């Protein structure tokens, strides 16, 4: 009985392949949104860091360190969306 079910399942899968064209489209949309969001995040972090250094030039080192860490986290989310979307 079990062998019959296995052979029937193999025949069914051979004759009716499952094609999901929407899966590639939704993955591409997710990757695009993730990359765009990461780019916007990095741009906002950079612009705010420049504004902060303009207001307080003495805190340049601290602002640079925090800006680099925040940009790395934003880029990490973009890369994560690329990996999960594909």
C-alpha atoms as a PDB file:
ATOM      1  CA  UNK A   1       0.000   0.000   0.000  1.00  0.00           C
ATOM      2  CA  UNK A   2       2.773   2.424   0.900  1.00  0.00           C
ATOM      3  CA  UNK A   3       4.694   1.722  -2.283  1.00  0.00           C
ATOM      4  CA  UNK A   4       1.567   2.348  -4.339  1.00  0.00           C
ATOM      5  CA  UNK A   5       1.067   5.738  -2.676  1.00  0.00           C
ATOM      6  CA  UNK A   6       4.704   6.687  -3.255  1.00  0.00           C
ATOM      7  CA  UNK A   7       4.531   5.719  -6.924  1.00  0.00           C
ATOM      8  CA  UNK A   8       1.269   7.661  -7.358  1.00  0.00           C
ATOM      9  CA  UNK A   9       2.841  10.738  -5.762  1.00  0.00           C
ATOM     10  CA  UNK A  10       5.881  10.485  -8.042  1.00  0.00           C
ATOM     11  CA  UNK A  11       3.674  10.184 -11.137  1.00  0.00           C
ATOM     12  CA  UNK A  12       1.596  13.156 -10.062  1.00  0.00           C
ATOM     13  CA  UNK A  13       4.637  15.322  -9.449  1.00  0.00           C
ATOM     14  CA  UNK A  14       6.131  14.302 -12.804  1.00  0.00           C
ATOM     15  CA  UNK A  15       2.989  15.269 -14.729  1.00  0.00           C
ATOM     16  CA  UNK A  16       2.013  18.420 -12.868  1.00  0.00           C
ATOM     17  CA  UNK A  17       5.001  20.583 -11.931  1.00  0.00           C
ATOM     18  CA  UNK A  18       4.169  23.444  -9.611  1.00  0.00           C
ATOM     19  CA  UNK A  19       5.155  26.829 -11.034  1.00  0.00           C
ATOM     20  CA  UNK A  20       4.635  29.916  -8.913  1.00  0.00           C
ATOM     21  CA  UNK A  21       5.551  32.987 -10.987  1.00  0.00           C
ATOM     22  CA  UNK A  22       4.360  35.381  -8.294  1.00  0.00           C
ATOM     23  CA  UNK A  23       7.003  34.143  -5.852  1.00  0.00           C
ATOM     24  CA  UNK A  24       9.836  35.710  -7.865  1.00  0.00           C
ATOM     25  CA  UNK A  25       7.961  38.987  -8.205  1.00  0.00           C
ATOM     26  CA  UNK A  26       7.198  39.278  -4.502  1.00  0.00           C
ATOM     27  CA  UNK A  27      10.806  38.422  -3.646  1.00  0.00           C
ATOM     28  CA  UNK A  28      12.037  41.146  -5.975  1.00  0.00           C
ATOM     29  CA  UNK A  29       9.647  43.656  -4.437  1.00  0.00           C
ATOM     30  CA  UNK A  30      10.838  42.732  -0.941  1.00  0.00           C
ATOM     31  CA  UNK A  31      14.483  43.109  -1.955  1.00  0.00           C
ATOM     32  CA  UNK A  32      13.772  46.464  -3.599  1.00  0.00           C
ATOM     33  CA  UNK A  33      11.932  47.811  -0.587  1.00  0.00           C
ATOM     34  CA  UNK A  34      14.627  46.566   1.780  1.00  0.00           C
ATOM     35  CA  UNK A  35      17.436  48.096  -0.268  1.00  0.00           C
ATOM     36  CA  UNK A  36      15.568  51.370  -0.694  1.00  0.00           C
ATOM     37  CA  UNK A  37      14.806  51.575   3.005  1.00  0.00           C
ATOM     38  CA  UNK A  38      18.456  50.903   3.869  1.00  0.00           C
ATOM     39  CA  UNK A  39      19.564  53.638   1.472  1.00  0.00           C
ATOM     40  CA  UNK A  40      17.124  56.121   2.985  1.00  0.00           C
ATOM     41  CA  UNK A  41      18.264  55.168   6.490  1.00  0.00           C
ATOM     42  CA  UNK A  42      21.943  55.634   5.647  1.00  0.00           C
ATOM     43  CA  UNK A  43      21.201  58.992   4.028  1.00  0.00           C
ATOM     44  CA  UNK A  44      19.263  60.224   7.037  1.00  0.00           C
ATOM     45  CA  UNK A  45      21.948  59.053   9.453  1.00  0.00           C
ATOM     46  CA  UNK A  46      24.656  60.776   7.422  1.00  0.00           C
ATOM     47  CA  UNK A  47      22.763  64.038   7.130  1.00  0.00           C
ATOM     48  CA  UNK A  48      21.934  64.154  10.834  1.00  0.00           C
ATOM     49  CA  UNK A  49      25.558  63.364  11.729  1.00  0.00           C
ATOM     50  CA  UNK A  50      26.755  66.267   9.589  1.00  0.00           C
ATOM     51  CA  UNK A  51      24.212  68.565  11.240  1.00  0.00           C
ATOM     52  CA  UNK A  52      25.321  67.413  14.699  1.00  0.00           C
ATOM     53  CA  UNK A  53      28.998  68.019  13.912  1.00  0.00           C
ATOM     54  CA  UNK A  54      28.080  71.449  12.564  1.00  0.00           C
ATOM     55  CA  UNK A  55      26.430  72.315  15.858  1.00  0.00           C
ATOM     56  CA  UNK A  56      29.128  70.822  18.084  1.00  0.00           C
ATOM     57  CA  UNK A  57      32.476  70.272  16.337  1.00  0.00           C
ATOM     58  CA  UNK A  58      34.084  69.069  19.560  1.00  0.00           C
ATOM     59  CA  UNK A  59      31.949  65.914  19.575  1.00  0.00           C
ATOM     60  CA  UNK A  60      33.157  64.823  16.138  1.00  0.00           C
ATOM     61  CA  UNK A  61      34.702  61.526  17.315  1.00  0.00           C
ATOM     62  CA  UNK A  62      31.653  60.376  19.248  1.00  0.00           C
ATOM     63  CA  UNK A  63      29.270  61.357  16.470  1.00  0.00           C
ATOM     64  CA  UNK A  64      31.422  59.602  13.857  1.00  0.00           C
ATOM     65  CA  UNK A  65      31.504  56.398  15.907  1.00  0.00           C
ATOM     66  CA  UNK A  66      27.758  56.358  16.485  1.00  0.00           C
ATOM     67  CA  UNK A  67      27.077  57.243  12.846  1.00  0.00           C
ATOM     68  CA  UNK A  68      29.221  54.399  11.543  1.00  0.00           C
ATOM     69  CA  UNK A  69      27.543  51.906  13.886  1.00  0.00           C
ATOM     70  CA  UNK A  70      24.070  53.102  12.887  1.00  0.00           C
ATOM     71  CA  UNK A  71      24.933  52.983   9.174  1.00  0.00           C
ATOM     72  CA  UNK A  72      26.273  49.444   9.564  1.00  0.00           C
ATOM     73  CA  UNK A  73      23.029  48.375  11.217  1.00  0.00           C
ATOM     74  CA  UNK A  74      20.952  49.962   8.444  1.00  0.00           C
ATOM     75  CA  UNK A  75      23.067  48.282   5.754  1.00  0.00           C
ATOM     76  CA  UNK A  76      22.790  44.992   7.636  1.00  0.00           C
ATOM     77  CA  UNK A  77      19.013  45.170   7.403  1.00  0.00           C
ATOM     78  CA  UNK A  78      19.290  45.831   3.666  1.00  0.00           C
ATOM     79  CA  UNK A  79      21.526  42.801   3.215  1.00  0.00           C
ATOM     80  CA  UNK A  80      19.172  40.710   5.350  1.00  0.00           C
ATOM     81  CA  UNK A  81      16.232  41.661   3.138  1.00  0.00           C
ATOM     82  CA  UNK A  82      18.291  40.678   0.085  1.00  0.00           C
ATOM     83  CA  UNK A  83      19.088  37.271   1.549  1.00  0.00           C
ATOM     84  CA  UNK A  84      15.533  36.566   2.721  1.00  0.00           C
ATOM     85  CA  UNK A  85      13.936  37.906  -0.459  1.00  0.00           C
ATOM     86  CA  UNK A  86      15.888  35.632  -2.774  1.00  0.00           C
END
